[in-house]
Amino acid sequence: MQIEVLKSKIHRVKVTGADLNYIGSITIDIALMEASNIIEGEKVSIVNINNGERFETYAIPGPRNSGEITLNGPAARRVQKDDIIIVITYALMDFEEAKTFSPWIIFPNEENNSLT
């Protein structure tokens, strides 16, 4: 049996922009993507702490150490600059493997570029 489990999480990161006219996706500082083991094009779930919105899109890398977190395209309507969000990915894995799996969870600071 396979189950879906938490793979990666960027916990409480600040939105730096919302670009309605971009094709779509979420732009994430590549340093944050690497630290949380999220790859380009990977499906991500977004939870907006400020308004309770939950939605899905895909990740694209932003400039390293820029702190950029920009929601693009239609997703831009679900956030505002300075909102706090959680970025989550999930993985399918064997039930027994899931019991010992450890997800990548990071806690950026207020500038989105230092990890604790």
PDB file of N, CA and C in Angstrom:
ATOM      1  N   MET A   1       0.842  -1.169   0.000  1.00  0.00           N
ATOM      2  CA  MET A   1       0.000   0.000   0.000  1.00  0.00           C
ATOM      3  C   MET A   1       0.893   1.241   0.000  1.00  0.00           C
ATOM      4  N   GLN A   2       0.480   2.250  -0.773  1.00  0.00           N
ATOM      5  CA  GLN A   2       1.176   3.524  -0.759  1.00  0.00           C
ATOM      6  C   GLN A   2       0.295   4.579  -0.115  1.00  0.00           C
ATOM      7  N   ILE A   3       0.959   5.515   0.560  1.00  0.00           N
ATOM      8  CA  ILE A   3       0.239   6.633   1.164  1.00  0.00           C
ATOM      9  C   ILE A   3       0.949   7.929   0.793  1.00  0.00           C
ATOM     10  N   GLU A   4       0.229   9.034   0.905  1.00  0.00           N
ATOM     11  CA  GLU A   4       0.793  10.346   0.616  1.00  0.00           C
ATOM     12  C   GLU A   4       1.204  10.987   1.938  1.00  0.00           C
ATOM     13  N   VAL A   5       2.467  11.422   2.014  1.00  0.00           N
ATOM     14  CA  VAL A   5       2.988  12.000   3.252  1.00  0.00           C
ATOM     15  C   VAL A   5       3.671  13.337   2.957  1.00  0.00           C
ATOM     16  N   LEU A   6       3.846  14.127   3.994  1.00  0.00           N
ATOM     17  CA  LEU A   6       4.563  15.386   3.879  1.00  0.00           C
ATOM     18  C   LEU A   6       5.990  15.124   3.412  1.00  0.00           C
ATOM     19  N   LYS A   7       6.416  15.796   2.337  1.00  0.00           N
ATOM     20  CA  LYS A   7       7.787  15.671   1.843  1.00  0.00           C
ATOM     21  C   LYS A   7       8.617  16.890   2.238  1.00  0.00           C
ATOM     22  N   SER A   8       8.049  18.087   1.989  1.00  0.00           N
ATOM     23  CA  SER A   8       8.784  19.336   2.214  1.00  0.00           C
ATOM     24  C   SER A   8       7.844  20.404   2.744  1.00  0.00           C
ATOM     25  N   LYS A   9       8.419  21.312   3.542  1.00  0.00           N
ATOM     26  CA  LYS A   9       7.609  22.436   4.012  1.00  0.00           C
ATOM     27  C   LYS A   9       8.500  23.643   4.246  1.00  0.00           C
ATOM     28  N   ILE A  10       8.070  24.772   3.679  1.00  0.00           N
ATOM     29  CA  ILE A  10       8.662  26.070   4.008  1.00  0.00           C
ATOM     30  C   ILE A  10       7.623  26.741   4.899  1.00  0.00           C
ATOM     31  N   HIS A  11       7.922  26.828   6.172  1.00  0.00           N
ATOM     32  CA  HIS A  11       6.929  27.237   7.175  1.00  0.00           C
ATOM     33  C   HIS A  11       6.979  28.738   7.434  1.00  0.00           C
ATOM     34  N   ARG A  12       5.849  29.392   7.235  1.00  0.00           N
ATOM     35  CA  ARG A  12       5.665  30.816   7.546  1.00  0.00           C
ATOM     36  C   ARG A  12       6.697  31.702   6.836  1.00  0.00           C
ATOM     37  N   VAL A  13       6.564  31.750   5.528  1.00  0.00           N
ATOM     38  CA  VAL A  13       7.416  32.597   4.706  1.00  0.00           C
ATOM     39  C   VAL A  13       6.576  33.790   4.224  1.00  0.00           C
ATOM     40  N   LYS A  14       7.213  34.943   4.068  1.00  0.00           N
ATOM     41  CA  LYS A  14       6.502  36.164   3.704  1.00  0.00           C
ATOM     42  C   LYS A  14       6.414  36.318   2.183  1.00  0.00           C
ATOM     43  N   VAL A  15       5.224  36.617   1.688  1.00  0.00           N
ATOM     44  CA  VAL A  15       5.021  36.875   0.273  1.00  0.00           C
ATOM     45  C   VAL A  15       5.656  38.222  -0.070  1.00  0.00           C
ATOM     46  N   THR A  16       6.520  38.214  -1.093  1.00  0.00           N
ATOM     47  CA  THR A  16       7.195  39.450  -1.496  1.00  0.00           C
ATOM     48  C   THR A  16       6.553  40.082  -2.719  1.00  0.00           C
ATOM     49  N   GLY A  17       5.687  39.337  -3.408  1.00  0.00           N
ATOM     50  CA  GLY A  17       5.030  39.896  -4.579  1.00  0.00           C
ATOM     51  C   GLY A  17       3.909  39.010  -5.082  1.00  0.00           C
ATOM     52  N   ALA A  18       3.047  39.627  -5.903  1.00  0.00           N
ATOM     53  CA  ALA A  18       1.948  38.925  -6.551  1.00  0.00           C
ATOM     54  C   ALA A  18       1.833  39.502  -7.961  1.00  0.00           C
ATOM     55  N   ASP A  19       2.064  38.663  -8.974  1.00  0.00           N
ATOM     56  CA  ASP A  19       2.113  39.112 -10.360  1.00  0.00           C
ATOM     57  C   ASP A  19       1.017  38.434 -11.161  1.00  0.00           C
ATOM     58  N   LEU A  20      -0.132  39.092 -11.269  1.00  0.00           N
ATOM     59  CA  LEU A  20      -1.293  38.533 -11.949  1.00  0.00           C
ATOM     60  C   LEU A  20      -1.019  38.264 -13.426  1.00  0.00           C
ATOM     61  N   ASN A  21      -0.140  39.028 -14.041  1.00  0.00           N
ATOM     62  CA  ASN A  21       0.087  38.919 -15.486  1.00  0.00           C
ATOM     63  C   ASN A  21       1.144  37.897 -15.881  1.00  0.00           C
ATOM     64  N   TYR A  22       1.707  37.183 -14.912  1.00  0.00           N
ATOM     65  CA  TYR A  22       2.668  36.131 -15.218  1.00  0.00           C
ATOM     66  C   TYR A  22       1.906  34.861 -15.562  1.00  0.00           C
ATOM     67  N   ILE A  23       2.522  33.924 -16.260  1.00  0.00           N
ATOM     68  CA  ILE A  23       1.855  32.697 -16.712  1.00  0.00           C
ATOM     69  C   ILE A  23       1.237  31.912 -15.562  1.00  0.00           C
ATOM     70  N   GLY A  24       1.911  31.782 -14.454  1.00  0.00           N
ATOM     71  CA  GLY A  24       1.406  31.011 -13.322  1.00  0.00           C
ATOM     72  C   GLY A  24       2.541  30.525 -12.468  1.00  0.00           C
ATOM     73  N   SER A  25       2.252  29.948 -11.328  1.00  0.00           N
ATOM     74  CA  SER A  25       3.238  29.334 -10.447  1.00  0.00           C
ATOM     75  C   SER A  25       3.552  30.182  -9.224  1.00  0.00           C
ATOM     76  N   ILE A  26       4.532  29.714  -8.462  1.00  0.00           N
ATOM     77  CA  ILE A  26       5.087  30.477  -7.348  1.00  0.00           C
ATOM     78  C   ILE A  26       6.601  30.525  -7.557  1.00  0.00           C
ATOM     79  N   THR A  27       7.144  31.722  -7.524  1.00  0.00           N
ATOM     80  CA  THR A  27       8.591  31.897  -7.611  1.00  0.00           C
ATOM     81  C   THR A  27       9.136  31.860  -6.195  1.00  0.00           C
ATOM     82  N   ILE A  28      10.106  30.963  -5.964  1.00  0.00           N
ATOM     83  CA  ILE A  28      10.693  30.774  -4.640  1.00  0.00           C
ATOM     84  C   ILE A  28      12.207  30.916  -4.752  1.00  0.00           C
ATOM     85  N   ASP A  29      12.794  31.698  -3.878  1.00  0.00           N
ATOM     86  CA  ASP A  29      14.252  31.814  -3.800  1.00  0.00           C
ATOM     87  C   ASP A  29      14.851  30.409  -3.889  1.00  0.00           C
ATOM     88  N   ILE A  30      15.766  30.214  -4.840  1.00  0.00           N
ATOM     89  CA  ILE A  30      16.349  28.883  -5.068  1.00  0.00           C
ATOM     90  C   ILE A  30      17.030  28.328  -3.813  1.00  0.00           C
ATOM     91  N   ALA A  31      17.579  29.206  -2.970  1.00  0.00           N
ATOM     92  CA  ALA A  31      18.202  28.728  -1.729  1.00  0.00           C
ATOM     93  C   ALA A  31      17.157  28.081  -0.819  1.00  0.00           C
ATOM     94  N   LEU A  32      15.950  28.638  -0.781  1.00  0.00           N
ATOM     95  CA  LEU A  32      14.871  28.048   0.017  1.00  0.00           C
ATOM     96  C   LEU A  32      14.397  26.738  -0.609  1.00  0.00           C
ATOM     97  N   MET A  33      14.331  26.719  -1.946  1.00  0.00           N
ATOM     98  CA  MET A  33      13.934  25.481  -2.631  1.00  0.00           C
ATOM     99  C   MET A  33      14.920  24.362  -2.326  1.00  0.00           C
ATOM    100  N   GLU A  34      16.199  24.660  -2.415  1.00  0.00           N
ATOM    101  CA  GLU A  34      17.209  23.639  -2.147  1.00  0.00           C
ATOM    102  C   GLU A  34      17.155  23.170  -0.696  1.00  0.00           C
ATOM    103  N   ALA A  35      17.012  24.101   0.230  1.00  0.00           N
ATOM    104  CA  ALA A  35      16.983  23.741   1.648  1.00  0.00           C
ATOM    105  C   ALA A  35      15.779  22.868   2.000  1.00  0.00           C
ATOM    106  N   SER A  36      14.677  23.070   1.280  1.00  0.00           N
ATOM    107  CA  SER A  36      13.463  22.304   1.550  1.00  0.00           C
ATOM    108  C   SER A  36      13.267  21.140   0.577  1.00  0.00           C
ATOM    109  N   ASN A  37      14.234  20.939  -0.308  1.00  0.00           N
ATOM    110  CA  ASN A  37      14.202  19.834  -1.266  1.00  0.00           C
ATOM    111  C   ASN A  37      12.998  19.902  -2.207  1.00  0.00           C
ATOM    112  N   ILE A  38      12.668  21.107  -2.645  1.00  0.00           N
ATOM    113  CA  ILE A  38      11.623  21.321  -3.651  1.00  0.00           C
ATOM    114  C   ILE A  38      12.328  21.568  -4.982  1.00  0.00           C
ATOM    115  N   ILE A  39      11.860  20.917  -6.043  1.00  0.00           N
ATOM    116  CA  ILE A  39      12.505  21.092  -7.339  1.00  0.00           C
ATOM    117  C   ILE A  39      11.628  21.916  -8.281  1.00  0.00           C
ATOM    118  N   GLU A  40      12.266  22.452  -9.316  1.00  0.00           N
ATOM    119  CA  GLU A  40      11.553  23.245 -10.322  1.00  0.00           C
ATOM    120  C   GLU A  40      10.440  22.418 -10.947  1.00  0.00           C
ATOM    121  N   GLY A  41       9.264  23.006 -11.019  1.00  0.00           N
ATOM    122  CA  GLY A  41       8.116  22.340 -11.617  1.00  0.00           C
ATOM    123  C   GLY A  41       7.330  21.452 -10.673  1.00  0.00           C
ATOM    124  N   GLU A  42       7.817  21.271  -9.463  1.00  0.00           N
ATOM    125  CA  GLU A  42       7.128  20.402  -8.506  1.00  0.00           C
ATOM    126  C   GLU A  42       5.815  21.039  -8.047  1.00  0.00           C
ATOM    127  N   LYS A  43       4.799  20.213  -7.931  1.00  0.00           N
ATOM    128  CA  LYS A  43       3.502  20.663  -7.425  1.00  0.00           C
ATOM    129  C   LYS A  43       3.649  21.051  -5.961  1.00  0.00           C
ATOM    130  N   VAL A  44       3.104  22.214  -5.609  1.00  0.00           N
ATOM    131  CA  VAL A  44       3.139  22.674  -4.222  1.00  0.00           C
ATOM    132  C   VAL A  44       1.737  23.079  -3.783  1.00  0.00           C
ATOM    133  N   SER A  45       1.470  22.878  -2.516  1.00  0.00           N
ATOM    134  CA  SER A  45       0.248  23.375  -1.889  1.00  0.00           C
ATOM    135  C   SER A  45       0.619  24.628  -1.122  1.00  0.00           C
ATOM    136  N   ILE A  46      -0.233  25.631  -1.205  1.00  0.00           N
ATOM    137  CA  ILE A  46      -0.002  26.899  -0.519  1.00  0.00           C
ATOM    138  C   ILE A  46      -1.121  27.096   0.494  1.00  0.00           C
ATOM    139  N   VAL A  47      -0.752  27.451   1.719  1.00  0.00           N
ATOM    140  CA  VAL A  47      -1.717  27.797   2.759  1.00  0.00           C
ATOM    141  C   VAL A  47      -1.425  29.229   3.172  1.00  0.00           C
ATOM    142  N   ASN A  48      -2.401  30.107   3.005  1.00  0.00           N
ATOM    143  CA  ASN A  48      -2.229  31.507   3.365  1.00  0.00           C
ATOM    144  C   ASN A  48      -2.702  31.708   4.807  1.00  0.00           C
ATOM    145  N   ILE A  49      -1.771  32.021   5.686  1.00  0.00           N
ATOM    146  CA  ILE A  49      -2.081  32.213   7.106  1.00  0.00           C
ATOM    147  C   ILE A  49      -3.019  33.409   7.308  1.00  0.00           C
ATOM    148  N   ASN A  50      -2.870  34.449   6.481  1.00  0.00           N
ATOM    149  CA  ASN A  50      -3.628  35.678   6.669  1.00  0.00           C
ATOM    150  C   ASN A  50      -5.106  35.548   6.331  1.00  0.00           C
ATOM    151  N   ASN A  51      -5.444  34.762   5.289  1.00  0.00           N
ATOM    152  CA  ASN A  51      -6.845  34.715   4.883  1.00  0.00           C
ATOM    153  C   ASN A  51      -7.440  33.306   4.796  1.00  0.00           C
ATOM    154  N   GLY A  52      -6.643  32.287   5.096  1.00  0.00           N
ATOM    155  CA  GLY A  52      -7.144  30.919   5.104  1.00  0.00           C
ATOM    156  C   GLY A  52      -7.213  30.246   3.742  1.00  0.00           C
ATOM    157  N   GLU A  53      -6.837  30.941   2.682  1.00  0.00           N
ATOM    158  CA  GLU A  53      -6.850  30.339   1.341  1.00  0.00           C
ATOM    159  C   GLU A  53      -5.904  29.145   1.279  1.00  0.00           C
ATOM    160  N   ARG A  54      -6.335  28.125   0.548  1.00  0.00           N
ATOM    161  CA  ARG A  54      -5.505  26.939   0.279  1.00  0.00           C
ATOM    162  C   ARG A  54      -5.625  26.664  -1.211  1.00  0.00           C
ATOM    163  N   PHE A  55      -4.481  26.508  -1.889  1.00  0.00           N
ATOM    164  CA  PHE A  55      -4.510  26.250  -3.323  1.00  0.00           C
ATOM    165  C   PHE A  55      -3.222  25.560  -3.749  1.00  0.00           C
ATOM    166  N   GLU A  56      -3.198  25.091  -5.003  1.00  0.00           N
ATOM    167  CA  GLU A  56      -2.039  24.392  -5.526  1.00  0.00           C
ATOM    168  C   GLU A  56      -1.513  25.100  -6.765  1.00  0.00           C
ATOM    169  N   THR A  57      -0.211  25.005  -6.963  1.00  0.00           N
ATOM    170  CA  THR A  57       0.452  25.522  -8.152  1.00  0.00           C
ATOM    171  C   THR A  57       1.758  24.745  -8.300  1.00  0.00           C
ATOM    172  N   TYR A  58       2.734  25.293  -8.994  1.00  0.00           N
ATOM    173  CA  TYR A  58       4.031  24.625  -9.128  1.00  0.00           C
ATOM    174  C   TYR A  58       5.146  25.625  -8.865  1.00  0.00           C
ATOM    175  N   ALA A  59       6.297  25.110  -8.473  1.00  0.00           N
ATOM    176  CA  ALA A  59       7.419  25.949  -8.056  1.00  0.00           C
ATOM    177  C   ALA A  59       8.344  26.278  -9.226  1.00  0.00           C
ATOM    178  N   ILE A  60       8.806  27.529  -9.255  1.00  0.00           N
ATOM    179  CA  ILE A  60       9.879  27.927 -10.156  1.00  0.00           C
ATOM    180  C   ILE A  60      10.929  28.659  -9.331  1.00  0.00           C
ATOM    181  N   PRO A  61      12.202  28.493  -9.684  1.00  0.00           N
ATOM    182  CA  PRO A  61      13.261  29.104  -8.872  1.00  0.00           C
ATOM    183  C   PRO A  61      13.392  30.611  -9.112  1.00  0.00           C
ATOM    184  N   GLY A  62      13.617  31.323  -8.014  1.00  0.00           N
ATOM    185  CA  GLY A  62      13.926  32.742  -8.067  1.00  0.00           C
ATOM    186  C   GLY A  62      15.395  32.953  -7.750  1.00  0.00           C
ATOM    187  N   PRO A  63      15.862  34.172  -7.840  1.00  0.00           N
ATOM    188  CA  PRO A  63      17.278  34.462  -7.578  1.00  0.00           C
ATOM    189  C   PRO A  63      17.715  34.000  -6.186  1.00  0.00           C
ATOM    190  N   ARG A  64      18.916  33.413  -6.140  1.00  0.00           N
ATOM    191  CA  ARG A  64      19.476  32.891  -4.888  1.00  0.00           C
ATOM    192  C   ARG A  64      19.638  33.996  -3.849  1.00  0.00           C
ATOM    193  N   ASN A  65      19.221  33.706  -2.625  1.00  0.00           N
ATOM    194  CA  ASN A  65      19.344  34.589  -1.462  1.00  0.00           C
ATOM    195  C   ASN A  65      18.613  35.917  -1.620  1.00  0.00           C
ATOM    196  N   SER A  66      17.625  35.937  -2.511  1.00  0.00           N
ATOM    197  CA  SER A  66      16.826  37.152  -2.716  1.00  0.00           C
ATOM    198  C   SER A  66      15.668  37.234  -1.731  1.00  0.00           C
ATOM    199  N   GLY A  67      15.275  36.090  -1.171  1.00  0.00           N
ATOM    200  CA  GLY A  67      14.103  36.045  -0.302  1.00  0.00           C
ATOM    201  C   GLY A  67      12.797  36.097  -1.082  1.00  0.00           C
ATOM    202  N   GLU A  68      12.873  36.000  -2.401  1.00  0.00           N
ATOM    203  CA  GLU A  68      11.667  36.149  -3.218  1.00  0.00           C
ATOM    204  C   GLU A  68      10.673  35.014  -3.007  1.00  0.00           C
ATOM    205  N   ILE A  69       9.424  35.414  -2.785  1.00  0.00           N
ATOM    206  CA  ILE A  69       8.275  34.518  -2.744  1.00  0.00           C
ATOM    207  C   ILE A  69       7.163  35.265  -3.477  1.00  0.00           C
ATOM    208  N   THR A  70       7.006  34.971  -4.767  1.00  0.00           N
ATOM    209  CA  THR A  70       6.027  35.683  -5.584  1.00  0.00           C
ATOM    210  C   THR A  70       5.008  34.708  -6.135  1.00  0.00           C
ATOM    211  N   LEU A  71       3.731  34.996  -5.909  1.00  0.00           N
ATOM    212  CA  LEU A  71       2.658  34.204  -6.485  1.00  0.00           C
ATOM    213  C   LEU A  71       2.322  34.806  -7.828  1.00  0.00           C
ATOM    214  N   ASN A  72       2.248  33.958  -8.847  1.00  0.00           N
ATOM    215  CA  ASN A  72       2.075  34.404 -10.222  1.00  0.00           C
ATOM    216  C   ASN A  72       0.765  33.913 -10.816  1.00  0.00           C
ATOM    217  N   GLY A  73       0.267  34.645 -11.811  1.00  0.00           N
ATOM    218  CA  GLY A  73      -0.950  34.254 -12.507  1.00  0.00           C
ATOM    219  C   GLY A  73      -2.153  34.300 -11.582  1.00  0.00           C
ATOM    220  N   PRO A  74      -3.141  33.421 -11.790  1.00  0.00           N
ATOM    221  CA  PRO A  74      -4.362  33.446 -10.989  1.00  0.00           C
ATOM    222  C   PRO A  74      -4.121  33.340  -9.481  1.00  0.00           C
ATOM    223  N   ALA A  75      -3.052  32.635  -9.082  1.00  0.00           N
ATOM    224  CA  ALA A  75      -2.749  32.501  -7.647  1.00  0.00           C
ATOM    225  C   ALA A  75      -2.482  33.856  -6.996  1.00  0.00           C
ATOM    226  N   ALA A  76      -2.090  34.855  -7.808  1.00  0.00           N
ATOM    227  CA  ALA A  76      -1.817  36.192  -7.278  1.00  0.00           C
ATOM    228  C   ALA A  76      -3.060  36.812  -6.649  1.00  0.00           C
ATOM    229  N   ARG A  77      -4.228  36.353  -7.036  1.00  0.00           N
ATOM    230  CA  ARG A  77      -5.475  36.880  -6.458  1.00  0.00           C
ATOM    231  C   ARG A  77      -5.739  36.344  -5.046  1.00  0.00           C
ATOM    232  N   ARG A  78      -5.004  35.316  -4.646  1.00  0.00           N
ATOM    233  CA  ARG A  78      -5.249  34.684  -3.349  1.00  0.00           C
ATOM    234  C   ARG A  78      -4.302  35.129  -2.253  1.00  0.00           C
ATOM    235  N   VAL A  79      -3.388  36.037  -2.587  1.00  0.00           N
ATOM    236  CA  VAL A  79      -2.425  36.559  -1.620  1.00  0.00           C
ATOM    237  C   VAL A  79      -2.244  38.052  -1.814  1.00  0.00           C
ATOM    238  N   GLN A  80      -1.656  38.660  -0.805  1.00  0.00           N
ATOM    239  CA  GLN A  80      -1.201  40.041  -0.903  1.00  0.00           C
ATOM    240  C   GLN A  80       0.242  40.084  -0.440  1.00  0.00           C
ATOM    241  N   LYS A  81       0.972  41.063  -0.945  1.00  0.00           N
ATOM    242  CA  LYS A  81       2.347  41.258  -0.495  1.00  0.00           C
ATOM    243  C   LYS A  81       2.341  41.326   1.030  1.00  0.00           C
ATOM    244  N   ASP A  82       3.300  40.686   1.652  1.00  0.00           N
ATOM    245  CA  ASP A  82       3.501  40.602   3.101  1.00  0.00           C
ATOM    246  C   ASP A  82       2.611  39.584   3.803  1.00  0.00           C
ATOM    247  N   ASP A  83       1.703  38.902   3.076  1.00  0.00           N
ATOM    248  CA  ASP A  83       0.987  37.781   3.688  1.00  0.00           C
ATOM    249  C   ASP A  83       2.003  36.719   4.100  1.00  0.00           C
ATOM    250  N   ILE A  84       1.662  35.945   5.090  1.00  0.00           N
ATOM    251  CA  ILE A  84       2.492  34.831   5.536  1.00  0.00           C
ATOM    252  C   ILE A  84       1.856  33.545   5.019  1.00  0.00           C
ATOM    253  N   ILE A  85       2.673  32.726   4.332  1.00  0.00           N
ATOM    254  CA  ILE A  85       2.169  31.475   3.762  1.00  0.00           C
ATOM    255  C   ILE A  85       3.029  30.293   4.207  1.00  0.00           C
ATOM    256  N   ILE A  86       2.484  29.113   4.000  1.00  0.00           N
ATOM    257  CA  ILE A  86       3.218  27.867   4.176  1.00  0.00           C
ATOM    258  C   ILE A  86       3.219  27.183   2.814  1.00  0.00           C
ATOM    259  N   VAL A  87       4.383  26.727   2.374  1.00  0.00           N
ATOM    260  CA  VAL A  87       4.528  26.015   1.102  1.00  0.00           C
ATOM    261  C   VAL A  87       4.781  24.550   1.447  1.00  0.00           C
ATOM    262  N   ILE A  88       3.955  23.652   0.903  1.00  0.00           N
ATOM    263  CA  ILE A  88       3.993  22.242   1.274  1.00  0.00           C
ATOM    264  C   ILE A  88       4.068  21.368   0.020  1.00  0.00           C
ATOM    265  N   THR A  89       4.872  20.307   0.080  1.00  0.00           N
ATOM    266  CA  THR A  89       4.834  19.270  -0.954  1.00  0.00           C
ATOM    267  C   THR A  89       4.597  17.925  -0.275  1.00  0.00           C
ATOM    268  N   TYR A  90       4.074  17.007  -1.052  1.00  0.00           N
ATOM    269  CA  TYR A  90       3.776  15.662  -0.565  1.00  0.00           C
ATOM    270  C   TYR A  90       4.429  14.636  -1.488  1.00  0.00           C
ATOM    271  N   ALA A  91       4.628  13.431  -0.994  1.00  0.00           N
ATOM    272  CA  ALA A  91       5.185  12.349  -1.801  1.00  0.00           C
ATOM    273  C   ALA A  91       4.413  11.067  -1.525  1.00  0.00           C
ATOM    274  N   LEU A  92       4.274  10.261  -2.566  1.00  0.00           N
ATOM    275  CA  LEU A  92       3.703   8.924  -2.408  1.00  0.00           C
ATOM    276  C   LEU A  92       4.820   7.965  -2.063  1.00  0.00           C
ATOM    277  N   MET A  93       4.603   7.155  -1.074  1.00  0.00           N
ATOM    278  CA  MET A  93       5.607   6.148  -0.737  1.00  0.00           C
ATOM    279  C   MET A  93       4.950   4.947  -0.070  1.00  0.00           C
ATOM    280  N   ASP A  94       5.713   3.893  -0.029  1.00  0.00           N
ATOM    281  CA  ASP A  94       5.270   2.668   0.615  1.00  0.00           C
ATOM    282  C   ASP A  94       4.960   2.952   2.085  1.00  0.00           C
ATOM    283  N   PHE A  95       3.936   2.320   2.591  1.00  0.00           N
ATOM    284  CA  PHE A  95       3.498   2.523   3.971  1.00  0.00           C
ATOM    285  C   PHE A  95       4.630   2.322   4.975  1.00  0.00           C
ATOM    286  N   GLU A  96       5.387   1.261   4.814  1.00  0.00           N
ATOM    287  CA  GLU A  96       6.479   0.974   5.759  1.00  0.00           C
ATOM    288  C   GLU A  96       7.593   2.020   5.638  1.00  0.00           C
ATOM    289  N   GLU A  97       7.918   2.433   4.417  1.00  0.00           N
ATOM    290  CA  GLU A  97       8.931   3.471   4.206  1.00  0.00           C
ATOM    291  C   GLU A  97       8.489   4.787   4.855  1.00  0.00           C
ATOM    292  N   ALA A  98       7.213   5.084   4.753  1.00  0.00           N
ATOM    293  CA  ALA A  98       6.682   6.330   5.306  1.00  0.00           C
ATOM    294  C   ALA A  98       6.849   6.410   6.822  1.00  0.00           C
ATOM    295  N   LYS A  99       6.851   5.276   7.482  1.00  0.00           N
ATOM    296  CA  LYS A  99       6.988   5.268   8.938  1.00  0.00           C
ATOM    297  C   LYS A  99       8.328   5.825   9.409  1.00  0.00           C
ATOM    298  N   THR A 100       9.353   5.724   8.579  1.00  0.00           N
ATOM    299  CA  THR A 100      10.687   6.191   8.979  1.00  0.00           C
ATOM    300  C   THR A 100      11.157   7.405   8.177  1.00  0.00           C
ATOM    301  N   PHE A 101      10.336   7.887   7.254  1.00  0.00           N
ATOM    302  CA  PHE A 101      10.704   9.014   6.405  1.00  0.00           C
ATOM    303  C   PHE A 101      10.728  10.310   7.218  1.00  0.00           C
ATOM    304  N   SER A 102      11.724  11.145   6.974  1.00  0.00           N
ATOM    305  CA  SER A 102      11.823  12.455   7.625  1.00  0.00           C
ATOM    306  C   SER A 102      11.707  13.556   6.573  1.00  0.00           C
ATOM    307  N   PRO A 103      10.678  14.384   6.650  1.00  0.00           N
ATOM    308  CA  PRO A 103      10.508  15.450   5.659  1.00  0.00           C
ATOM    309  C   PRO A 103      11.519  16.583   5.870  1.00  0.00           C
ATOM    310  N   TRP A 104      11.707  17.377   4.815  1.00  0.00           N
ATOM    311  CA  TRP A 104      12.543  18.571   4.888  1.00  0.00           C
ATOM    312  C   TRP A 104      11.635  19.723   5.286  1.00  0.00           C
ATOM    313  N   ILE A 105      11.852  20.286   6.468  1.00  0.00           N
ATOM    314  CA  ILE A 105      11.041  21.396   6.970  1.00  0.00           C
ATOM    315  C   ILE A 105      11.983  22.525   7.339  1.00  0.00           C
ATOM    316  N   ILE A 106      11.725  23.711   6.771  1.00  0.00           N
ATOM    317  CA  ILE A 106      12.569  24.864   7.073  1.00  0.00           C
ATOM    318  C   ILE A 106      11.710  25.998   7.629  1.00  0.00           C
ATOM    319  N   PHE A 107      12.364  26.858   8.399  1.00  0.00           N
ATOM    320  CA  PHE A 107      11.706  27.977   9.074  1.00  0.00           C
ATOM    321  C   PHE A 107      12.462  29.267   8.752  1.00  0.00           C
ATOM    322  N   PRO A 108      12.168  29.893   7.611  1.00  0.00           N
ATOM    323  CA  PRO A 108      12.882  31.133   7.259  1.00  0.00           C
ATOM    324  C   PRO A 108      12.605  32.252   8.254  1.00  0.00           C
ATOM    325  N   ASN A 109      13.542  33.211   8.313  1.00  0.00           N
ATOM    326  CA  ASN A 109      13.306  34.375   9.165  1.00  0.00           C
ATOM    327  C   ASN A 109      12.435  35.391   8.427  1.00  0.00           C
ATOM    328  N   GLU A 110      12.259  36.563   8.977  1.00  0.00           N
ATOM    329  CA  GLU A 110      11.368  37.577   8.391  1.00  0.00           C
ATOM    330  C   GLU A 110      11.839  38.083   7.032  1.00  0.00           C
ATOM    331  N   GLU A 111      13.101  37.893   6.702  1.00  0.00           N
ATOM    332  CA  GLU A 111      13.615  38.316   5.395  1.00  0.00           C
ATOM    333  C   GLU A 111      13.580  37.171   4.370  1.00  0.00           C
ATOM    334  N   ASN A 112      13.072  36.020   4.777  1.00  0.00           N
ATOM    335  CA  ASN A 112      12.939  34.852   3.898  1.00  0.00           C
ATOM    336  C   ASN A 112      14.270  34.266   3.439  1.00  0.00           C
ATOM    337  N   ASN A 113      15.375  34.639   4.051  1.00  0.00           N
ATOM    338  CA  ASN A 113      16.634  34.129   3.515  1.00  0.00           C
ATOM    339  C   ASN A 113      17.556  33.500   4.538  1.00  0.00           C
ATOM    340  N   SER A 114      17.194  33.511   5.772  1.00  0.00           N
ATOM    341  CA  SER A 114      17.978  32.824   6.793  1.00  0.00           C
ATOM    342  C   SER A 114      17.163  31.666   7.309  1.00  0.00           C
ATOM    343  N   LEU A 115      17.783  30.550   7.463  1.00  0.00           N
ATOM    344  CA  LEU A 115      17.066  29.373   7.925  1.00  0.00           C
ATOM    345  C   LEU A 115      17.414  29.098   9.378  1.00  0.00           C
ATOM    346  N   THR A 116      16.409  28.676  10.135  1.00  0.00           N
ATOM    347  CA  THR A 116      16.647  28.308  11.535  1.00  0.00           C
ATOM    348  C   THR A 116      16.308  26.859  11.744  1.00  0.00           C
TER     349      THR A 116
END
